[in-house]
Amino acid sequence: MTSQTTVDKADKAPEPASAPAKGLRGHPWLTLFSVAIGVMMVALDGTIVAIANPAIQKDLNATFADVQWITNGYFLALAVALITAGKLGDRFGHRQTYLIGVVGFAAASGAIGLSSSISLVVGFRVLQGLFGALLMPAALGLLRASFPAEKLNMAIAIWGMVIGASTAGGPILGGLLVEHVSWQSVFFINVPVGVLALVLGLFILKDIRAENAPRSFDIPGIALLSAAMFCLVWALIKAPEWGWGDGMTWTFIGASVLSFVVFASWETKVKEPLIPLGLFRSVALSAGVVLMVLMAIAFMGGLFFVTFYLQNVHGMSPVDSGLHLLPLTGMMIVGSPLAGAMISKLGPRIPLAVGMLLTAIAMYGMSLLEAGTGSGVMSIWFALLGLGLAPVMVGATEVIVGNAPMELSGVAGGLQQAAMQIGGSLGTAVLGAVMASRVDSELPGNWADAKLPPLSPTQLDQAAEAVQVGVAPVPPKAPPSIAEQITSVAHDTFMSGMGMACLVATGVAVVAVFIAFLTKRGENAEAAAGVGHI
């Protein structure tokens, strides 16, 4: 299919959203409500499970590495499958794909709650990730098909608000369930939510497909892209363990780059490519993808350390730490609809640039936090971060999905989600490396300056690993005075590492401010985009 053919077909086939829906089925706002339930379930599971991990480890006699795979298996499956899942929605219909995702995700959740071994938990978590990958791009595809262009950004604003609130609220709900019920309840809660999402979807969602939707599958493209995504995310997950200078890390990164190059070459030759590379001729869409990656690096990477700061430095419980993040959650909830209204009036450029600027200021403020900083000061920076993230989550999503043709809305939704997953993995890995480097360079000197008993190289390595997550490596029978000194050294060193990591995140956010000016509204994507071969 040539670029001109795609444009001609788009001109002849107006978007289905232009016709007002009658009754429940296909109603735009009811469609939004319906898919928001499923999206909430997946977004919540991204963070709620972290609180349950210690209880799972104890109950199932799992190792720390096993428990890491509860999270890593989920995100790896999600990241690898997202774009392919979006293509499935474009081919077979987003309604069907969404409903299969809902049923599979809820069933996998229930199976985890019934599991009696860590291997079963990890296996069903991978299935959760695969079904979540079906669900998320399909939800965006349904919104793209149901809303006219002038209202799409407001719908995405509410969609983004649900994701932000669910992600930030996960630790609070997880803490309450683990403390007062059981770790299994963290997964069982998805079953009734999934049933509700299924019932609403059956009665409300309408399967609207573009006239020129894809009719075939690019199997080699799927294999190459999956390999590329797997190698990249695997390298990012294992880099903290292997080390950034290790040959294995760079072998997987090299394999990822090679797979991406071969994939790009293949996509120019196949009749119906998995991702028509002409999509990226749209500077706005490409900028939206980059912006989503940079936003996730700053947000997820910075937030990774904030949870350790609240729990291990300030000694808060998981529930208390979650409550301290409410200013961030609250501002995302309030800010998302406001951002949607601003984007409708001004277009995406200014709101996106201002949002990333506020994010940069918030990350810089967080780099100034100290071990004894009070809740009031923390709340200011967390609230500012939420206010900055809201327009970026909304605007970048609208730019990506709105600038893609209707028949590729699922692929665009997959791109948006994949960009966020890769950005989050990059943020955690890169900022984690910054933290580790800072701790390794400062801990020996800080330890010696405090005149603490010298450590062997092995003991120093063990101490550094603890300090990287804010834990003071106090020996079991240490005298109170020594324990206090060790705690002071550990927390000061951790704060130095966190400060440097937040400064790096600040720099990433500043770069994103300039990327934001390359975006534009996606109102006329159908007529404007040439998505054939390059």
Protein backbone atom coordinates (compact mmCIF):
# COMPACT_ATOMS: atom_id res chain seq x y z
CA MET A 1 0.00 0.00 0.00
CA THR A 2 1.47 3.35 -0.95
CA SER A 3 1.36 6.53 1.09
CA GLN A 4 -0.96 8.18 -1.43
CA THR A 5 -3.36 5.26 -1.35
CA THR A 6 -3.61 5.53 2.41
CA VAL A 7 -4.33 9.22 2.18
CA ASP A 8 -6.97 8.70 -0.53
CA LYS A 9 -8.77 6.08 1.51
CA ALA A 10 -8.65 8.27 4.57
CA ASP A 11 -10.22 11.10 2.58
CA LYS A 12 -13.06 8.84 1.41
CA ALA A 13 -13.72 7.23 4.81
CA PRO A 14 -14.57 9.78 7.48
CA GLU A 15 -13.90 8.87 11.08
CA PRO A 16 -16.76 6.93 12.65
CA ALA A 17 -16.65 9.27 15.64
CA SER A 18 -18.16 12.01 13.52
CA ALA A 19 -21.58 10.35 13.74
CA PRO A 20 -23.26 10.79 17.13
CA ALA A 21 -23.93 7.54 18.98
CA LYS A 22 -27.47 6.55 19.86
CA GLY A 23 -28.23 4.66 23.08
CA LEU A 24 -25.64 2.97 25.31
CA ARG A 25 -23.56 1.14 22.71
CA GLY A 26 -20.81 3.30 21.30
CA HIS A 27 -21.66 6.36 23.42
CA PRO A 28 -18.32 8.23 23.72
CA TRP A 29 -18.41 9.08 27.42
CA LEU A 30 -19.80 5.69 28.42
CA THR A 31 -17.06 4.11 26.31
CA LEU A 32 -14.52 6.14 28.27
CA PHE A 33 -16.06 5.03 31.58
CA SER A 34 -16.04 1.40 30.47
CA VAL A 35 -12.41 1.25 29.31
CA ALA A 36 -11.27 3.27 32.34
CA ILE A 37 -12.25 0.35 34.58
CA GLY A 38 -10.00 -2.05 32.68
CA VAL A 39 -7.16 0.46 32.41
CA MET A 40 -7.38 1.12 36.16
CA MET A 41 -6.95 -2.60 36.84
CA VAL A 42 -3.74 -2.82 34.79
CA ALA A 43 -2.24 0.48 36.02
CA LEU A 44 -2.96 -0.39 39.65
CA ASP A 45 -1.18 -3.73 39.29
CA GLY A 46 1.99 -1.97 38.18
CA THR A 47 2.59 -0.62 41.70
CA ILE A 48 0.24 -2.40 44.11
CA VAL A 49 2.21 -5.65 43.91
CA ALA A 50 5.45 -4.03 45.16
CA ILE A 51 3.87 -3.73 48.61
CA ALA A 52 2.91 -7.41 48.62
CA ASN A 53 6.37 -8.69 47.60
CA PRO A 54 7.83 -9.03 51.16
CA ALA A 55 4.76 -11.02 52.30
CA ILE A 56 4.95 -13.24 49.19
CA GLN A 57 8.66 -13.83 49.80
CA LYS A 58 8.02 -14.90 53.39
CA ASP A 59 4.94 -17.03 52.70
CA LEU A 60 6.39 -18.91 49.70
CA ASN A 61 10.01 -19.08 50.98
CA ALA A 62 11.23 -17.25 47.89
CA THR A 63 14.63 -15.69 47.28
CA PHE A 64 15.09 -11.97 46.62
CA ALA A 65 15.82 -12.75 42.95
CA ASP A 66 12.56 -14.73 42.73
CA VAL A 67 10.61 -11.80 44.12
CA GLN A 68 12.25 -9.41 41.65
CA TRP A 69 10.81 -11.55 38.84
CA ILE A 70 7.29 -10.95 40.12
CA THR A 71 7.73 -7.37 38.90
CA ASN A 72 10.24 -7.92 36.09
CA GLY A 73 8.26 -10.73 34.44
CA TYR A 74 5.15 -8.54 34.33
CA PHE A 75 6.85 -5.49 32.84
CA LEU A 76 8.95 -7.54 30.40
CA ALA A 77 5.87 -9.26 28.96
CA LEU A 78 3.98 -5.97 28.85
CA ALA A 79 6.75 -4.06 27.07
CA VAL A 80 7.51 -6.78 24.50
CA ALA A 81 3.87 -7.39 23.50
CA LEU A 82 2.35 -3.88 23.45
CA ILE A 83 2.88 -2.90 19.80
CA THR A 84 1.97 -6.36 18.49
CA ALA A 85 -1.14 -6.30 20.68
CA GLY A 86 -2.07 -2.92 19.21
CA LYS A 87 -1.80 -4.42 15.72
CA LEU A 88 -4.09 -7.27 16.77
CA GLY A 89 -6.69 -4.67 17.76
CA ASP A 90 -6.34 -2.91 14.41
CA ARG A 91 -6.81 -6.25 12.62
CA PHE A 92 -9.55 -7.97 14.64
CA GLY A 93 -11.22 -5.00 16.32
CA HIS A 94 -10.38 -3.15 19.52
CA ARG A 95 -13.56 -4.22 21.30
CA GLN A 96 -12.75 -7.92 20.98
CA THR A 97 -9.09 -7.40 21.87
CA TYR A 98 -10.00 -5.30 24.90
CA LEU A 99 -12.52 -7.84 26.22
CA ILE A 100 -10.07 -10.75 25.78
CA GLY A 101 -7.47 -8.68 27.65
CA VAL A 102 -9.89 -7.99 30.51
CA VAL A 103 -10.92 -11.64 30.90
CA GLY A 104 -7.34 -12.93 30.66
CA PHE A 105 -5.96 -10.34 33.08
CA ALA A 106 -8.64 -11.05 35.71
CA ALA A 107 -8.25 -14.83 35.31
CA ALA A 108 -4.44 -14.63 35.64
CA SER A 109 -4.88 -12.47 38.75
CA GLY A 110 -7.16 -15.02 40.36
CA ALA A 111 -4.70 -17.80 39.47
CA ILE A 112 -1.88 -15.92 41.21
CA GLY A 113 -3.95 -15.66 44.38
CA LEU A 114 -4.44 -19.45 44.30
CA SER A 115 -0.75 -20.21 43.58
CA SER A 116 1.26 -22.17 46.11
CA SER A 117 4.74 -21.67 44.64
CA ILE A 118 6.81 -18.71 43.50
CA SER A 119 7.27 -20.22 40.02
CA LEU A 120 3.49 -20.24 39.50
CA VAL A 121 3.23 -16.65 40.73
CA VAL A 122 5.91 -15.50 38.27
CA GLY A 123 4.38 -17.52 35.42
CA PHE A 124 0.92 -16.05 35.92
CA ARG A 125 2.44 -12.57 36.28
CA VAL A 126 3.89 -12.98 32.78
CA LEU A 127 0.41 -13.91 31.56
CA GLN A 128 -0.95 -10.83 33.32
CA GLY A 129 1.54 -8.71 31.38
CA LEU A 130 0.56 -10.29 28.05
CA PHE A 131 -3.16 -9.76 28.63
CA GLY A 132 -2.50 -6.25 29.93
CA ALA A 133 -0.70 -5.57 26.65
CA LEU A 134 -3.87 -6.56 24.78
CA LEU A 135 -6.01 -4.30 26.94
CA MET A 136 -4.11 -1.00 27.04
CA PRO A 137 -3.65 -0.15 23.30
CA ALA A 138 -7.18 -1.40 22.62
CA ALA A 139 -8.55 1.08 25.16
CA LEU A 140 -6.82 3.94 23.36
CA GLY A 141 -8.01 2.63 20.00
CA LEU A 142 -11.60 2.62 21.26
CA LEU A 143 -11.27 6.21 22.49
CA ARG A 144 -9.73 7.27 19.17
CA ALA A 145 -12.66 5.74 17.28
CA SER A 146 -15.40 6.99 19.62
CA PHE A 147 -14.46 10.64 20.11
CA PRO A 148 -14.27 13.38 17.48
CA ALA A 149 -10.85 15.03 17.21
CA GLU A 150 -11.86 18.18 19.11
CA LYS A 151 -12.90 16.14 22.17
CA LEU A 152 -10.25 13.42 22.04
CA ASN A 153 -7.76 15.24 24.27
CA MET A 154 -10.35 15.67 27.04
CA ALA A 155 -11.12 11.95 26.89
CA ILE A 156 -7.40 11.17 27.05
CA ALA A 157 -7.11 13.62 29.95
CA ILE A 158 -9.55 11.56 31.98
CA TRP A 159 -7.87 8.35 30.77
CA GLY A 160 -4.50 9.74 31.95
CA MET A 161 -6.03 10.81 35.26
CA VAL A 162 -7.19 7.23 35.87
CA ILE A 163 -3.71 5.85 35.09
CA GLY A 164 -1.98 8.44 37.29
CA ALA A 165 -4.33 7.96 40.22
CA SER A 166 -4.18 4.16 39.94
CA THR A 167 -0.38 4.10 39.70
CA ALA A 168 0.11 6.42 42.68
CA GLY A 169 -2.72 4.86 44.69
CA GLY A 170 -1.37 1.32 44.31
CA PRO A 171 0.96 1.44 47.34
CA ILE A 172 -1.83 2.75 49.59
CA LEU A 173 -4.38 0.13 48.58
CA GLY A 174 -1.72 -2.59 48.54
CA GLY A 175 -0.56 -1.67 52.03
CA LEU A 176 -4.11 -1.77 53.41
CA LEU A 177 -4.87 -5.14 51.79
CA VAL A 178 -1.60 -6.78 52.87
CA GLU A 179 -1.83 -5.45 56.44
CA HIS A 180 -5.51 -6.23 57.03
CA VAL A 181 -6.34 -9.13 54.65
CA SER A 182 -3.55 -11.07 52.87
CA TRP A 183 -1.13 -10.77 49.97
CA GLN A 184 -3.49 -12.91 47.90
CA SER A 185 -6.18 -10.21 48.19
CA VAL A 186 -3.96 -7.87 46.15
CA PHE A 187 -4.60 -10.17 43.18
CA PHE A 188 -8.11 -11.39 44.02
CA ILE A 189 -9.38 -7.80 43.92
CA ASN A 190 -8.87 -7.82 40.14
CA VAL A 191 -11.48 -10.56 39.66
CA PRO A 192 -14.60 -8.51 40.55
CA VAL A 193 -13.10 -5.46 38.82
CA GLY A 194 -12.51 -7.57 35.70
CA VAL A 195 -16.08 -8.91 35.79
CA LEU A 196 -17.40 -5.33 36.01
CA ALA A 197 -15.17 -4.24 33.11
CA LEU A 198 -16.37 -7.22 31.04
CA VAL A 199 -20.08 -6.57 31.68
CA LEU A 200 -19.73 -2.87 30.87
CA GLY A 201 -17.72 -3.68 27.76
CA LEU A 202 -20.27 -6.16 26.45
CA PHE A 203 -23.13 -3.67 26.76
CA ILE A 204 -21.38 -0.38 25.94
CA LEU A 205 -18.39 -0.88 23.64
CA LYS A 206 -18.94 -0.74 19.89
CA ASP A 207 -16.43 -2.19 17.47
CA ILE A 208 -15.72 0.56 14.97
CA ARG A 209 -13.06 -0.25 12.38
CA ALA A 210 -11.42 1.87 9.73
CA GLU A 211 -12.31 0.97 6.13
CA ASN A 212 -8.67 0.26 5.31
CA ALA A 213 -7.82 -1.73 8.46
CA PRO A 214 -4.97 -4.24 7.99
CA ARG A 215 -5.90 -7.69 6.68
CA SER A 216 -2.65 -9.62 7.12
CA PHE A 217 0.08 -10.13 9.71
CA ASP A 218 3.75 -9.30 9.47
CA ILE A 219 5.03 -12.39 11.34
CA PRO A 220 8.77 -11.73 10.72
CA GLY A 221 8.23 -8.11 11.82
CA ILE A 222 6.54 -9.26 15.03
CA ALA A 223 9.42 -11.66 15.74
CA LEU A 224 12.11 -9.03 15.07
CA LEU A 225 10.40 -6.30 17.09
CA SER A 226 9.71 -8.68 19.98
CA ALA A 227 13.36 -9.77 20.00
CA ALA A 228 14.53 -6.16 19.93
CA MET A 229 12.22 -5.11 22.76
CA PHE A 230 13.06 -8.19 24.83
CA CYS A 231 16.83 -7.69 24.53
CA LEU A 232 16.55 -3.99 25.38
CA VAL A 233 14.29 -4.39 28.42
CA TRP A 234 16.22 -7.46 29.59
CA ALA A 235 19.48 -5.51 29.47
CA LEU A 236 17.91 -2.67 31.46
CA ILE A 237 16.52 -5.08 34.06
CA LYS A 238 19.80 -7.00 34.50
CA ALA A 239 22.23 -4.04 34.22
CA PRO A 240 22.16 -3.25 37.98
CA GLU A 241 23.08 -6.88 38.71
CA TRP A 242 25.59 -7.41 35.90
CA GLY A 243 27.04 -3.90 35.86
CA TRP A 244 26.96 -1.37 33.01
CA GLY A 245 30.48 -2.28 31.95
CA ASP A 246 29.78 -6.01 31.80
CA GLY A 247 29.94 -7.79 28.45
CA MET A 248 26.53 -9.43 28.94
CA THR A 249 24.83 -6.06 29.33
CA TRP A 250 26.29 -4.75 26.09
CA THR A 251 25.71 -8.05 24.27
CA PHE A 252 21.98 -7.70 24.86
CA ILE A 253 22.01 -3.99 24.02
CA GLY A 254 23.90 -4.77 20.81
CA ALA A 255 21.46 -7.55 19.95
CA SER A 256 18.60 -5.12 20.53
CA VAL A 257 20.10 -2.49 18.23
CA LEU A 258 20.80 -5.08 15.53
CA SER A 259 17.23 -6.43 15.78
CA PHE A 260 15.80 -2.91 15.50
CA VAL A 261 17.93 -2.23 12.39
CA VAL A 262 16.90 -5.47 10.70
CA PHE A 263 13.27 -4.81 11.71
CA ALA A 264 13.36 -1.32 10.16
CA SER A 265 14.85 -2.73 6.95
CA TRP A 266 12.23 -5.49 6.78
CA GLU A 267 9.35 -3.05 7.34
CA THR A 268 10.25 -1.18 4.16
CA LYS A 269 9.82 -4.36 2.09
CA VAL A 270 6.70 -6.09 3.45
CA LYS A 271 3.26 -5.34 1.96
CA GLU A 272 1.47 -4.69 5.28
CA PRO A 273 4.16 -3.85 7.86
CA LEU A 274 3.67 -4.17 11.60
CA ILE A 275 4.66 -0.50 12.00
CA PRO A 276 4.55 1.48 8.77
CA LEU A 277 7.70 3.54 9.17
CA GLY A 278 6.05 6.41 7.34
CA LEU A 279 4.28 7.07 10.65
CA PHE A 280 7.52 8.63 11.85
CA ARG A 281 7.50 11.12 8.99
CA SER A 282 5.11 12.93 11.30
CA VAL A 283 7.51 15.05 13.36
CA ALA A 284 4.74 15.60 15.89
CA LEU A 285 4.12 11.88 16.41
CA SER A 286 7.86 11.16 16.70
CA ALA A 287 8.25 14.02 19.17
CA GLY A 288 5.32 12.64 21.19
CA VAL A 289 7.00 9.24 21.45
CA VAL A 290 10.33 10.78 22.52
CA LEU A 291 8.52 13.03 24.98
CA MET A 292 6.75 10.05 26.55
CA VAL A 293 10.10 8.25 26.99
CA LEU A 294 11.76 11.29 28.57
CA MET A 295 8.79 11.94 30.86
CA ALA A 296 8.83 8.33 32.08
CA ILE A 297 12.61 8.45 32.69
CA ALA A 298 12.23 11.49 34.94
CA PHE A 299 9.03 10.36 36.64
CA MET A 300 9.55 6.62 37.18
CA GLY A 301 13.27 6.93 37.83
CA GLY A 302 12.81 9.71 40.39
CA LEU A 303 9.80 8.08 42.07
CA PHE A 304 11.77 4.82 42.43
CA PHE A 305 14.06 6.48 44.97
CA VAL A 306 11.35 8.50 46.68
CA THR A 307 9.70 5.33 47.97
CA PHE A 308 13.01 4.21 49.52
CA TYR A 309 13.49 7.70 50.93
CA LEU A 310 10.11 7.70 52.65
CA GLN A 311 10.25 4.12 53.96
CA ASN A 312 13.92 3.54 54.74
CA VAL A 313 15.17 7.02 55.62
CA HIS A 314 12.03 8.42 57.28
CA GLY A 315 10.95 5.01 58.57
CA MET A 316 7.39 5.21 57.23
CA SER A 317 5.15 2.21 56.70
CA PRO A 318 4.06 1.43 53.11
CA VAL A 319 0.64 2.95 53.82
CA ASP A 320 2.15 6.11 55.33
CA SER A 321 4.56 6.52 52.41
CA GLY A 322 1.65 6.14 50.01
CA LEU A 323 -0.31 8.80 51.91
CA HIS A 324 2.68 11.16 51.66
CA LEU A 325 2.47 10.80 47.87
CA LEU A 326 -1.16 11.94 47.85
CA PRO A 327 -0.18 15.51 46.82
CA LEU A 328 1.30 14.00 43.64
CA THR A 329 -1.77 11.83 43.03
CA GLY A 330 -4.16 14.67 43.85
CA MET A 331 -2.52 17.11 41.46
CA MET A 332 -2.54 14.52 38.67
CA ILE A 333 -6.27 13.96 39.25
CA VAL A 334 -7.00 17.70 39.31
CA GLY A 335 -4.46 18.60 36.64
CA SER A 336 -5.42 16.08 33.96
CA PRO A 337 -8.87 17.54 33.09
CA LEU A 338 -7.43 21.06 33.35
CA ALA A 339 -4.64 20.02 30.99
CA GLY A 340 -7.21 18.60 28.57
CA ALA A 341 -9.08 21.91 28.55
CA MET A 342 -5.84 23.87 28.03
CA ILE A 343 -4.76 21.63 25.17
CA SER A 344 -8.17 22.06 23.53
CA LYS A 345 -7.77 25.83 23.68
CA LEU A 346 -4.04 26.35 23.09
CA GLY A 347 -2.91 23.16 21.35
CA PRO A 348 -0.37 20.79 22.91
CA ARG A 349 2.91 22.70 22.59
CA ILE A 350 2.63 25.25 25.39
CA PRO A 351 0.94 22.93 27.94
CA LEU A 352 3.52 20.19 27.22
CA ALA A 353 6.47 22.57 27.52
CA VAL A 354 5.11 24.11 30.73
CA GLY A 355 4.40 20.63 32.13
CA MET A 356 7.97 19.45 31.53
CA LEU A 357 9.32 22.71 32.95
CA LEU A 358 7.32 22.18 36.14
CA THR A 359 8.56 18.58 36.21
CA ALA A 360 12.16 19.82 35.93
CA ILE A 361 11.63 22.31 38.78
CA ALA A 362 10.03 19.60 40.93
CA MET A 363 12.89 17.15 40.29
CA TYR A 364 15.41 19.87 41.14
CA GLY A 365 13.52 20.56 44.37
CA MET A 366 13.61 16.85 45.20
CA SER A 367 17.39 16.87 44.67
CA LEU A 368 17.57 19.29 47.63
CA LEU A 369 15.72 17.01 50.05
CA GLU A 370 17.60 15.98 53.19
CA ALA A 371 17.22 13.13 55.64
CA GLY A 372 15.37 15.41 58.04
CA THR A 373 13.19 17.30 55.55
CA GLY A 374 9.64 17.73 56.86
CA SER A 375 6.41 16.56 55.23
CA GLY A 376 5.38 20.10 54.25
CA VAL A 377 8.42 20.70 52.05
CA MET A 378 8.17 17.24 50.50
CA SER A 379 4.50 17.83 49.70
CA ILE A 380 5.31 21.02 47.77
CA TRP A 381 7.67 19.20 45.41
CA PHE A 382 5.41 16.16 45.06
CA ALA A 383 2.42 18.39 44.23
CA LEU A 384 4.45 20.34 41.68
CA LEU A 385 5.57 17.07 40.09
CA GLY A 386 1.96 15.89 39.76
CA LEU A 387 0.96 19.25 38.26
CA GLY A 388 3.77 18.98 35.71
CA LEU A 389 3.14 15.37 34.76
CA ALA A 390 -0.59 15.79 34.10
CA PRO A 391 -0.36 17.80 30.85
CA VAL A 392 2.48 15.61 29.58
CA MET A 393 0.60 12.36 30.15
CA VAL A 394 -2.45 13.81 28.42
CA GLY A 395 -0.77 15.85 25.69
CA ALA A 396 1.87 13.34 24.57
CA THR A 397 -0.73 10.57 24.38
CA GLU A 398 -3.07 12.74 22.29
CA VAL A 399 -0.21 13.77 20.00
CA ILE A 400 0.78 10.13 19.35
CA VAL A 401 -2.71 8.69 18.93
CA GLY A 402 -4.21 11.77 17.28
CA ASN A 403 -1.49 12.04 14.64
CA ALA A 404 -1.86 8.38 13.57
CA PRO A 405 -4.43 7.33 10.97
CA MET A 406 -7.54 5.56 12.26
CA GLU A 407 -6.49 2.16 10.91
CA LEU A 408 -3.28 2.37 12.96
CA SER A 409 -4.79 3.63 16.21
CA GLY A 410 -3.97 0.36 17.98
CA VAL A 411 -0.34 0.48 16.86
CA ALA A 412 -0.19 4.13 18.00
CA GLY A 413 -1.62 3.13 21.38
CA GLY A 414 1.00 0.38 21.60
CA LEU A 415 3.73 2.89 20.75
CA GLN A 416 2.52 5.22 23.51
CA GLN A 417 2.50 2.47 26.12
CA ALA A 418 5.79 0.94 24.93
CA ALA A 419 7.46 4.36 25.10
CA MET A 420 6.28 4.73 28.69
CA GLN A 421 7.45 1.23 29.67
CA ILE A 422 10.87 1.68 28.06
CA GLY A 423 11.23 5.14 29.60
CA GLY A 424 10.36 3.78 33.04
CA SER A 425 12.86 0.92 32.66
CA LEU A 426 15.53 3.34 31.40
CA GLY A 427 14.86 5.74 34.26
CA THR A 428 15.13 3.06 36.92
CA ALA A 429 18.27 1.53 35.35
CA VAL A 430 20.15 4.73 34.50
CA LEU A 431 19.29 6.64 37.65
CA GLY A 432 19.99 3.46 39.62
CA ALA A 433 23.46 3.39 38.07
CA VAL A 434 23.94 7.06 39.04
CA MET A 435 22.93 6.23 42.62
CA ALA A 436 25.26 3.20 42.77
CA SER A 437 28.20 5.18 41.39
CA ARG A 438 27.67 7.99 43.90
CA VAL A 439 27.38 5.61 46.85
CA ASP A 440 30.45 3.61 45.79
CA SER A 441 32.53 6.79 45.52
CA GLU A 442 31.36 8.50 48.73
CA LEU A 443 30.63 5.73 51.24
CA PRO A 444 34.26 4.72 51.99
CA GLY A 445 35.26 8.33 52.71
CA ASN A 446 32.14 9.10 54.76
CA TRP A 447 32.63 5.90 56.73
CA ALA A 448 36.27 6.75 57.48
CA ASP A 449 35.46 10.38 58.35
CA ALA A 450 32.97 9.16 60.96
CA LYS A 451 35.79 7.05 62.47
CA LEU A 452 33.74 3.89 62.23
CA PRO A 453 35.42 0.45 62.37
CA PRO A 454 37.05 -0.30 59.01
CA LEU A 455 35.31 -2.68 56.63
CA SER A 456 36.74 -5.40 54.40
CA PRO A 457 36.10 -5.03 50.65
CA THR A 458 33.31 -7.63 50.87
CA GLN A 459 31.71 -5.88 53.84
CA LEU A 460 31.98 -2.54 52.05
CA ASP A 461 30.21 -3.95 48.98
CA GLN A 462 27.42 -5.33 51.16
CA ALA A 463 27.12 -2.01 52.98
CA ALA A 464 26.96 -0.11 49.67
CA GLU A 465 24.14 -2.34 48.41
CA ALA A 466 22.13 -1.57 51.54
CA VAL A 467 22.84 2.17 51.40
CA GLN A 468 21.69 2.35 47.75
CA VAL A 469 18.13 1.72 48.97
CA GLY A 470 18.44 3.88 52.08
CA VAL A 471 19.02 1.05 54.55
CA ALA A 472 21.60 1.58 57.29
CA PRO A 473 23.89 -1.51 57.51
CA VAL A 474 23.90 -1.65 61.32
CA PRO A 475 25.30 -4.94 62.77
CA PRO A 476 22.83 -6.80 65.04
CA LYS A 477 24.67 -6.14 68.34
CA ALA A 478 26.16 -2.72 67.58
CA PRO A 479 26.23 -0.24 70.51
CA PRO A 480 23.60 2.56 70.22
CA SER A 481 26.24 5.23 69.58
CA ILE A 482 27.81 3.23 66.72
CA ALA A 483 24.38 2.38 65.32
CA GLU A 484 23.50 6.08 65.28
CA GLN A 485 26.72 6.98 63.47
CA ILE A 486 26.26 4.24 60.87
CA THR A 487 22.67 5.35 60.29
CA SER A 488 23.76 8.97 59.85
CA VAL A 489 26.51 8.03 57.37
CA ALA A 490 24.19 5.70 55.42
CA HIS A 491 21.37 8.22 55.15
CA ASP A 492 23.67 11.11 54.22
CA THR A 493 25.31 9.00 51.51
CA PHE A 494 21.93 7.84 50.20
CA MET A 495 20.68 11.43 50.08
CA SER A 496 23.75 12.45 48.08
CA GLY A 497 23.07 9.67 45.57
CA MET A 498 19.37 10.50 45.38
CA GLY A 499 20.21 14.18 44.90
CA MET A 500 22.48 13.37 41.95
CA ALA A 501 19.90 11.03 40.42
CA CYS A 502 17.22 13.74 40.69
CA LEU A 503 19.58 16.26 39.06
CA VAL A 504 20.03 13.89 36.11
CA ALA A 505 16.23 13.56 35.93
CA THR A 506 16.05 17.37 35.97
CA GLY A 507 18.33 17.52 32.93
CA VAL A 508 16.18 14.95 31.11
CA ALA A 509 13.07 17.03 31.83
CA VAL A 510 14.76 20.20 30.53
CA VAL A 511 15.59 18.44 27.23
CA ALA A 512 11.93 17.39 27.04
CA VAL A 513 10.85 21.05 27.28
CA PHE A 514 12.42 21.70 23.87
CA ILE A 515 11.04 18.46 22.37
CA ALA A 516 7.56 19.65 23.36
CA PHE A 517 7.76 22.50 20.83
CA LEU A 518 7.92 19.95 17.98
CA THR A 519 4.46 18.59 18.75
CA LYS A 520 1.16 19.65 17.18
CA ARG A 521 -2.53 18.91 17.41
CA GLY A 522 -3.66 15.70 15.69
CA GLU A 523 -7.01 16.90 14.38
CA ASN A 524 -6.41 16.11 10.68
CA ALA A 525 -4.26 13.03 10.97
CA GLU A 526 -6.37 10.97 8.56
CA ALA A 527 -5.78 13.32 5.66
CA ALA A 528 -2.29 14.45 6.58
CA ALA A 529 -0.41 11.26 7.41
CA GLY A 530 1.33 9.19 4.75
CA VAL A 531 2.01 5.85 6.33
CA GLY A 532 3.22 3.67 3.51
CA HIS A 533 6.74 2.49 2.92
CA ILE A 534 9.67 4.79 3.12
